[in-house]
Amino acid sequence: MPKVKTNRGAAKRFKATGSGKIKRSKAFTSHILTKKSTKRKRNLRKSGLIDDSNRQAVKRMLPYL
């Protein structure tokens, strides 16, 4: 059985938490920030967790996470 390759793009975007959940960063933070409120931009800085519907796909991309 050969080793499974990790998707390097996904490895840069996702990290595992201590309990095994997968952490992600929020989108929409890179440009066109003038029309977004300060509160919205502050909340976008926080990390989030991936949805359960995406967990299987991310696990497939990150077999050793």
Protein backbone atom coordinates (compact mmCIF):
# COMPACT_ATOMS: atom_id res chain seq x y z
CA MET A 1 0.00 0.00 0.00
CA PRO A 2 1.62 3.30 -1.06
CA LYS A 3 1.68 6.38 1.08
CA VAL A 4 -1.07 8.95 0.48
CA LYS A 5 0.01 12.43 -0.56
CA THR A 6 -1.20 15.42 1.41
CA ASN A 7 -2.86 18.20 -0.57
CA ARG A 8 -0.40 21.03 0.12
CA GLY A 9 -2.94 23.80 -0.52
CA ALA A 10 -5.26 22.31 2.07
CA ALA A 11 -2.40 21.79 4.53
CA LYS A 12 -1.74 25.56 4.50
CA ARG A 13 -5.42 26.37 5.12
CA PHE A 14 -6.50 23.91 7.81
CA LYS A 15 -5.18 22.93 11.24
CA ALA A 16 -6.46 20.37 13.73
CA THR A 17 -7.64 21.39 17.18
CA GLY A 18 -6.85 19.42 20.30
CA SER A 19 -10.20 17.65 20.21
CA GLY A 20 -9.74 16.63 16.57
CA LYS A 21 -11.96 19.23 14.91
CA ILE A 22 -10.59 21.11 11.89
CA LYS A 23 -9.95 24.84 12.20
CA ARG A 24 -10.10 27.25 9.26
CA SER A 25 -9.68 30.96 8.65
CA LYS A 26 -12.51 33.13 7.38
CA ALA A 27 -12.76 34.38 3.79
CA PHE A 28 -13.32 37.93 2.44
CA THR A 29 -10.44 39.58 4.33
CA SER A 30 -7.92 40.39 1.61
CA HIS A 31 -9.30 43.35 -0.37
CA ILE A 32 -12.29 45.71 -0.83
CA LEU A 33 -12.21 46.37 2.91
CA THR A 34 -13.46 49.98 2.84
CA LYS A 35 -17.12 49.03 2.44
CA LYS A 36 -16.97 46.45 5.25
CA SER A 37 -17.71 47.63 8.75
CA THR A 38 -15.11 47.54 11.51
CA LYS A 39 -17.18 44.99 13.41
CA ARG A 40 -17.39 42.73 10.37
CA LYS A 41 -13.65 42.92 9.71
CA ARG A 42 -12.89 42.20 13.38
CA ASN A 43 -15.10 39.10 13.32
CA LEU A 44 -13.45 37.91 10.10
CA ARG A 45 -10.08 37.84 11.91
CA LYS A 46 -11.31 35.06 14.18
CA SER A 47 -10.94 31.46 13.14
CA GLY A 48 -13.85 29.12 12.53
CA LEU A 49 -14.47 25.41 12.28
CA ILE A 50 -15.27 23.57 9.08
CA ASP A 51 -18.83 22.35 8.61
CA ASP A 52 -19.65 18.68 9.10
CA SER A 53 -20.66 18.42 5.43
CA ASN A 54 -17.07 19.27 4.40
CA ARG A 55 -15.26 17.16 7.00
CA GLN A 56 -14.95 14.03 4.85
CA ALA A 57 -13.49 15.96 1.89
CA VAL A 58 -10.91 17.73 4.08
CA LYS A 59 -9.95 14.46 5.79
CA ARG A 60 -9.32 12.96 2.36
CA MET A 61 -7.03 15.87 1.42
CA LEU A 62 -5.21 15.72 4.79
CA PRO A 63 -4.80 12.03 5.60
CA TYR A 64 -2.24 12.60 8.39
CA LEU A 65 -3.97 15.51 10.15
